[in-house]
């Protein structure tokens, strides 16, 4: 995934997610699939739209800081 156009906040979230997933391919797949935690939208859509609340809840539920 090309993250060169991401804001600093988006990059921070992306790199936090990289730590959680086994590979970037697995992360890219997860970002592209609708997710109930993200109100049946893709996490990628939430990331691009700047709706970071979903990710904060995801990190809290995953005990990731």
PDB file of N, CA and C in Angstrom:
ATOM      1  N   UNK A   1       0.852  -1.166   0.000  1.00  0.00           N
ATOM      2  CA  UNK A   1       0.000   0.000   0.000  1.00  0.00           C
ATOM      3  C   UNK A   1       0.898   1.230   0.000  1.00  0.00           C
ATOM      4  N   UNK A   2       0.554   2.163  -0.826  1.00  0.00           N
ATOM      5  CA  UNK A   2       1.295   3.414  -0.905  1.00  0.00           C
ATOM      6  C   UNK A   2       0.743   4.388   0.132  1.00  0.00           C
ATOM      7  N   UNK A   3       1.543   4.711   1.127  1.00  0.00           N
ATOM      8  CA  UNK A   3       1.089   5.601   2.198  1.00  0.00           C
ATOM      9  C   UNK A   3       1.723   6.985   2.091  1.00  0.00           C
ATOM     10  N   UNK A   4       2.348   7.287   0.975  1.00  0.00           N
ATOM     11  CA  UNK A   4       3.054   8.560   0.819  1.00  0.00           C
ATOM     12  C   UNK A   4       2.115   9.763   0.911  1.00  0.00           C
ATOM     13  N   UNK A   5       0.858   9.584   0.570  1.00  0.00           N
ATOM     14  CA  UNK A   5      -0.105  10.694   0.639  1.00  0.00           C
ATOM     15  C   UNK A   5      -0.855  10.754   1.967  1.00  0.00           C
ATOM     16  N   UNK A   6      -0.541   9.859   2.880  1.00  0.00           N
ATOM     17  CA  UNK A   6      -1.203   9.846   4.185  1.00  0.00           C
ATOM     18  C   UNK A   6      -0.710  11.007   5.040  1.00  0.00           C
ATOM     19  N   UNK A   7      -1.582  11.478   5.914  1.00  0.00           N
ATOM     20  CA  UNK A   7      -1.175  12.474   6.906  1.00  0.00           C
ATOM     21  C   UNK A   7      -0.315  11.773   7.956  1.00  0.00           C
ATOM     22  N   UNK A   8       0.302  12.546   8.824  1.00  0.00           N
ATOM     23  CA  UNK A   8       1.122  11.961   9.889  1.00  0.00           C
ATOM     24  C   UNK A   8       0.279  11.056  10.796  1.00  0.00           C
ATOM     25  N   UNK A   9      -0.945  11.482  11.106  1.00  0.00           N
ATOM     26  CA  UNK A   9      -1.844  10.673  11.950  1.00  0.00           C
ATOM     27  C   UNK A   9      -2.176   9.351  11.262  1.00  0.00           C
ATOM     28  N   UNK A  10      -2.468   9.404   9.967  1.00  0.00           N
ATOM     29  CA  UNK A  10      -2.784   8.191   9.223  1.00  0.00           C
ATOM     30  C   UNK A  10      -1.587   7.247   9.175  1.00  0.00           C
ATOM     31  N   UNK A  11      -0.393   7.797   8.987  1.00  0.00           N
ATOM     32  CA  UNK A  11       0.814   6.972   8.976  1.00  0.00           C
ATOM     33  C   UNK A  11       1.039   6.328  10.335  1.00  0.00           C
ATOM     34  N   UNK A  12       0.814   7.076  11.390  1.00  0.00           N
ATOM     35  CA  UNK A  12       0.985   6.537  12.742  1.00  0.00           C
ATOM     36  C   UNK A  12       0.058   5.348  12.957  1.00  0.00           C
ATOM     37  N   UNK A  13      -1.201   5.502  12.568  1.00  0.00           N
ATOM     38  CA  UNK A  13      -2.173   4.405  12.703  1.00  0.00           C
ATOM     39  C   UNK A  13      -1.745   3.226  11.842  1.00  0.00           C
ATOM     40  N   UNK A  14      -1.328   3.482  10.617  1.00  0.00           N
ATOM     41  CA  UNK A  14      -0.918   2.405   9.715  1.00  0.00           C
ATOM     42  C   UNK A  14       0.236   1.604  10.327  1.00  0.00           C
ATOM     43  N   UNK A  15       1.240   2.300  10.852  1.00  0.00           N
ATOM     44  CA  UNK A  15       2.394   1.592  11.417  1.00  0.00           C
ATOM     45  C   UNK A  15       2.039   0.862  12.713  1.00  0.00           C
ATOM     46  N   UNK A  16       1.067   1.364  13.453  1.00  0.00           N
ATOM     47  CA  UNK A  16       0.584   0.624  14.622  1.00  0.00           C
ATOM     48  C   UNK A  16      -0.089  -0.663  14.162  1.00  0.00           C
ATOM     49  N   UNK A  17      -0.823  -0.594  13.072  1.00  0.00           N
ATOM     50  CA  UNK A  17      -1.487  -1.779  12.527  1.00  0.00           C
ATOM     51  C   UNK A  17      -0.475  -2.782  11.982  1.00  0.00           C
ATOM     52  N   UNK A  18       0.597  -2.288  11.371  1.00  0.00           N
ATOM     53  CA  UNK A  18       1.646  -3.181  10.851  1.00  0.00           C
ATOM     54  C   UNK A  18       2.191  -4.061  11.965  1.00  0.00           C
ATOM     55  N   UNK A  19       2.319  -3.502  13.163  1.00  0.00           N
ATOM     56  CA  UNK A  19       2.834  -4.264  14.303  1.00  0.00           C
ATOM     57  C   UNK A  19       1.896  -5.395  14.723  1.00  0.00           C
ATOM     58  N   UNK A  20       0.607  -5.209  14.492  1.00  0.00           N
ATOM     59  CA  UNK A  20      -0.394  -6.189  14.906  1.00  0.00           C
ATOM     60  C   UNK A  20      -0.459  -7.373  13.939  1.00  0.00           C
ATOM     61  N   UNK A  21      -0.379  -7.096  12.649  1.00  0.00           N
ATOM     62  CA  UNK A  21      -0.568  -8.134  11.639  1.00  0.00           C
ATOM     63  C   UNK A  21       0.761  -8.791  11.276  1.00  0.00           C
ATOM     64  N   UNK A  22       0.683 -10.037  10.837  1.00  0.00           N
ATOM     65  CA  UNK A  22       1.873 -10.823  10.520  1.00  0.00           C
ATOM     66  C   UNK A  22       2.602 -10.320   9.278  1.00  0.00           C
ATOM     67  N   UNK A  23       1.864  -9.742   8.348  1.00  0.00           N
ATOM     68  CA  UNK A  23       2.481  -9.244   7.121  1.00  0.00           C
ATOM     69  C   UNK A  23       1.685  -8.034   6.618  1.00  0.00           C
ATOM     70  N   UNK A  24       2.321  -7.269   5.746  1.00  0.00           N
ATOM     71  CA  UNK A  24       1.609  -6.133   5.158  1.00  0.00           C
ATOM     72  C   UNK A  24       0.499  -6.613   4.234  1.00  0.00           C
ATOM     73  N   UNK A  25       0.683  -7.767   3.605  1.00  0.00           N
ATOM     74  CA  UNK A  25      -0.382  -8.321   2.755  1.00  0.00           C
ATOM     75  C   UNK A  25      -1.624  -8.626   3.588  1.00  0.00           C
ATOM     76  N   UNK A  26      -1.414  -9.214   4.756  1.00  0.00           N
ATOM     77  CA  UNK A  26      -2.536  -9.519   5.645  1.00  0.00           C
ATOM     78  C   UNK A  26      -3.206  -8.222   6.104  1.00  0.00           C
ATOM     79  N   UNK A  27      -2.405  -7.215   6.421  1.00  0.00           N
ATOM     80  CA  UNK A  27      -2.952  -5.920   6.829  1.00  0.00           C
ATOM     81  C   UNK A  27      -3.750  -5.292   5.695  1.00  0.00           C
ATOM     82  N   UNK A  28      -3.205  -5.310   4.484  1.00  0.00           N
ATOM     83  CA  UNK A  28      -3.912  -4.730   3.343  1.00  0.00           C
ATOM     84  C   UNK A  28      -5.250  -5.422   3.108  1.00  0.00           C
ATOM     85  N   UNK A  29      -5.275  -6.737   3.281  1.00  0.00           N
ATOM     86  CA  UNK A  29      -6.530  -7.477   3.134  1.00  0.00           C
ATOM     87  C   UNK A  29      -7.521  -7.053   4.213  1.00  0.00           C
ATOM     88  N   UNK A  30      -7.060  -6.965   5.466  1.00  0.00           N
ATOM     89  CA  UNK A  30      -7.933  -6.558   6.574  1.00  0.00           C
ATOM     90  C   UNK A  30      -8.472  -5.152   6.334  1.00  0.00           C
ATOM     91  N   UNK A  31      -7.634  -4.251   5.845  1.00  0.00           N
ATOM     92  CA  UNK A  31      -8.071  -2.872   5.591  1.00  0.00           C
ATOM     93  C   UNK A  31      -9.143  -2.798   4.505  1.00  0.00           C
ATOM     94  N   UNK A  32      -9.163  -3.776   3.605  1.00  0.00           N
ATOM     95  CA  UNK A  32     -10.090  -3.718   2.471  1.00  0.00           C
ATOM     96  C   UNK A  32     -11.405  -4.465   2.693  1.00  0.00           C
ATOM     97  N   UNK A  33     -11.541  -5.166   3.821  1.00  0.00           N
ATOM     98  CA  UNK A  33     -12.762  -5.930   4.077  1.00  0.00           C
ATOM     99  C   UNK A  33     -13.692  -5.189   5.032  1.00  0.00           C
ATOM    100  N   UNK A  34     -14.997  -5.149   4.730  1.00  0.00           N
ATOM    101  CA  UNK A  34     -15.936  -4.527   5.664  1.00  0.00           C
ATOM    102  C   UNK A  34     -15.833  -5.175   7.040  1.00  0.00           C
ATOM    103  N   UNK A  35     -15.980  -4.352   8.072  1.00  0.00           N
ATOM    104  CA  UNK A  35     -15.746  -4.803   9.439  1.00  0.00           C
ATOM    105  C   UNK A  35     -16.853  -4.255  10.330  1.00  0.00           C
ATOM    106  N   UNK A  36     -17.440  -5.108  11.168  1.00  0.00           N
ATOM    107  CA  UNK A  36     -18.526  -4.672  12.048  1.00  0.00           C
ATOM    108  C   UNK A  36     -18.089  -3.567  13.001  1.00  0.00           C
ATOM    109  N   UNK A  37     -16.838  -3.621  13.458  1.00  0.00           N
ATOM    110  CA  UNK A  37     -16.326  -2.591  14.359  1.00  0.00           C
ATOM    111  C   UNK A  37     -16.301  -1.219  13.683  1.00  0.00           C
ATOM    112  N   UNK A  38     -16.241  -1.220  12.360  1.00  0.00           N
ATOM    113  CA  UNK A  38     -16.212   0.011  11.582  1.00  0.00           C
ATOM    114  C   UNK A  38     -17.567   0.272  10.915  1.00  0.00           C
ATOM    115  N   UNK A  39     -18.612  -0.216  11.548  1.00  0.00           N
ATOM    116  CA  UNK A  39     -19.998  -0.072  11.054  1.00  0.00           C
ATOM    117  C   UNK A  39     -20.159  -0.595   9.636  1.00  0.00           C
ATOM    118  N   UNK A  40     -19.596  -1.769   9.419  1.00  0.00           N
ATOM    119  CA  UNK A  40     -19.676  -2.501   8.146  1.00  0.00           C
ATOM    120  C   UNK A  40     -19.019  -1.761   6.981  1.00  0.00           C
ATOM    121  N   UNK A  41     -18.158  -0.818   7.288  1.00  0.00           N
ATOM    122  CA  UNK A  41     -17.347  -0.169   6.260  1.00  0.00           C
ATOM    123  C   UNK A  41     -15.947  -0.764   6.355  1.00  0.00           C
ATOM    124  N   UNK A  42     -15.140  -0.473   5.363  1.00  0.00           N
ATOM    125  CA  UNK A  42     -13.775  -0.977   5.421  1.00  0.00           C
ATOM    126  C   UNK A  42     -12.939  -0.086   6.330  1.00  0.00           C
ATOM    127  N   UNK A  43     -12.006  -0.661   7.052  1.00  0.00           N
ATOM    128  CA  UNK A  43     -11.105   0.158   7.861  1.00  0.00           C
ATOM    129  C   UNK A  43     -10.344   1.183   7.011  1.00  0.00           C
ATOM    130  N   UNK A  44     -10.044   0.826   5.770  1.00  0.00           N
ATOM    131  CA  UNK A  44      -9.361   1.761   4.876  1.00  0.00           C
ATOM    132  C   UNK A  44     -10.204   3.019   4.668  1.00  0.00           C
ATOM    133  N   UNK A  45     -11.510   2.852   4.470  1.00  0.00           N
ATOM    134  CA  UNK A  45     -12.391   4.008   4.296  1.00  0.00           C
ATOM    135  C   UNK A  45     -12.377   4.904   5.531  1.00  0.00           C
ATOM    136  N   UNK A  46     -12.379   4.285   6.701  1.00  0.00           N
ATOM    137  CA  UNK A  46     -12.332   5.056   7.946  1.00  0.00           C
ATOM    138  C   UNK A  46     -11.006   5.803   8.062  1.00  0.00           C
ATOM    139  N   UNK A  47      -9.924   5.151   7.672  1.00  0.00           N
ATOM    140  CA  UNK A  47      -8.605   5.766   7.743  1.00  0.00           C
ATOM    141  C   UNK A  47      -8.515   6.962   6.795  1.00  0.00           C
ATOM    142  N   UNK A  48      -8.974   6.790   5.578  1.00  0.00           N
ATOM    143  CA  UNK A  48      -8.914   7.852   4.577  1.00  0.00           C
ATOM    144  C   UNK A  48      -9.834   9.013   4.946  1.00  0.00           C
ATOM    145  N   UNK A  49     -11.000   8.701   5.517  1.00  0.00           N
ATOM    146  CA  UNK A  49     -11.963   9.755   5.855  1.00  0.00           C
ATOM    147  C   UNK A  49     -11.545  10.549   7.083  1.00  0.00           C
ATOM    148  N   UNK A  50     -10.548  10.052   7.809  1.00  0.00           N
ATOM    149  CA  UNK A  50     -10.093  10.765   8.998  1.00  0.00           C
ATOM    150  C   UNK A  50     -10.922  10.454  10.224  1.00  0.00           C
ATOM    151  N   UNK A  51     -11.728   9.402  10.161  1.00  0.00           N
ATOM    152  CA  UNK A  51     -12.548   9.014  11.297  1.00  0.00           C
ATOM    153  C   UNK A  51     -11.739   8.063  12.180  1.00  0.00           C
ATOM    154  N   UNK A  52     -10.882   8.635  13.001  1.00  0.00           N
ATOM    155  CA  UNK A  52      -9.928   7.858  13.784  1.00  0.00           C
ATOM    156  C   UNK A  52     -10.528   7.240  15.042  1.00  0.00           C
ATOM    157  N   UNK A  53     -11.736   7.635  15.403  1.00  0.00           N
ATOM    158  CA  UNK A  53     -12.385   7.063  16.591  1.00  0.00           C
ATOM    159  C   UNK A  53     -12.499   5.547  16.484  1.00  0.00           C
ATOM    160  N   UNK A  54     -12.788   5.063  15.292  1.00  0.00           N
ATOM    161  CA  UNK A  54     -12.900   3.618  15.090  1.00  0.00           C
ATOM    162  C   UNK A  54     -11.592   2.925  15.427  1.00  0.00           C
ATOM    163  N   UNK A  55     -10.482   3.504  15.020  1.00  0.00           N
ATOM    164  CA  UNK A  55      -9.176   2.896  15.282  1.00  0.00           C
ATOM    165  C   UNK A  55      -8.826   2.967  16.759  1.00  0.00           C
ATOM    166  N   UNK A  56      -9.193   4.061  17.411  1.00  0.00           N
ATOM    167  CA  UNK A  56      -8.949   4.156  18.852  1.00  0.00           C
ATOM    168  C   UNK A  56      -9.692   3.048  19.591  1.00  0.00           C
ATOM    169  N   UNK A  57     -10.940   2.797  19.199  1.00  0.00           N
ATOM    170  CA  UNK A  57     -11.699   1.698  19.815  1.00  0.00           C
ATOM    171  C   UNK A  57     -11.079   0.350  19.467  1.00  0.00           C
ATOM    172  N   UNK A  58     -10.615   0.190  18.227  1.00  0.00           N
ATOM    173  CA  UNK A  58      -9.979  -1.063  17.820  1.00  0.00           C
ATOM    174  C   UNK A  58      -8.725  -1.314  18.654  1.00  0.00           C
ATOM    175  N   UNK A  59      -7.897  -0.298  18.822  1.00  0.00           N
ATOM    176  CA  UNK A  59      -6.675  -0.461  19.610  1.00  0.00           C
ATOM    177  C   UNK A  59      -6.990  -0.733  21.072  1.00  0.00           C
ATOM    178  N   UNK A  60      -8.013  -0.080  21.594  1.00  0.00           N
ATOM    179  CA  UNK A  60      -8.419  -0.342  22.983  1.00  0.00           C
ATOM    180  C   UNK A  60      -8.897  -1.768  23.142  1.00  0.00           C
ATOM    181  N   UNK A  61      -9.716  -2.250  22.200  1.00  0.00           N
ATOM    182  CA  UNK A  61     -10.238  -3.614  22.307  1.00  0.00           C
ATOM    183  C   UNK A  61      -9.141  -4.657  22.083  1.00  0.00           C
ATOM    184  N   UNK A  62      -8.063  -4.256  21.397  1.00  0.00           N
ATOM    185  CA  UNK A  62      -6.949  -5.171  21.143  1.00  0.00           C
ATOM    186  C   UNK A  62      -5.837  -5.008  22.180  1.00  0.00           C
ATOM    187  N   UNK A  63      -6.052  -4.102  23.131  1.00  0.00           N
ATOM    188  CA  UNK A  63      -5.034  -3.783  24.160  1.00  0.00           C
ATOM    189  C   UNK A  63      -3.723  -3.346  23.519  1.00  0.00           C
ATOM    190  N   UNK A  64      -3.825  -2.529  22.469  1.00  0.00           N
ATOM    191  CA  UNK A  64      -2.653  -1.997  21.772  1.00  0.00           C
ATOM    192  C   UNK A  64      -2.572  -0.504  22.067  1.00  0.00           C
ATOM    193  N   UNK A  65      -1.366  -0.047  22.388  1.00  0.00           N
ATOM    194  CA  UNK A  65      -1.171   1.382  22.630  1.00  0.00           C
ATOM    195  C   UNK A  65      -0.062   1.908  21.774  1.00  0.00           C
TER     196      UNK A  65
END
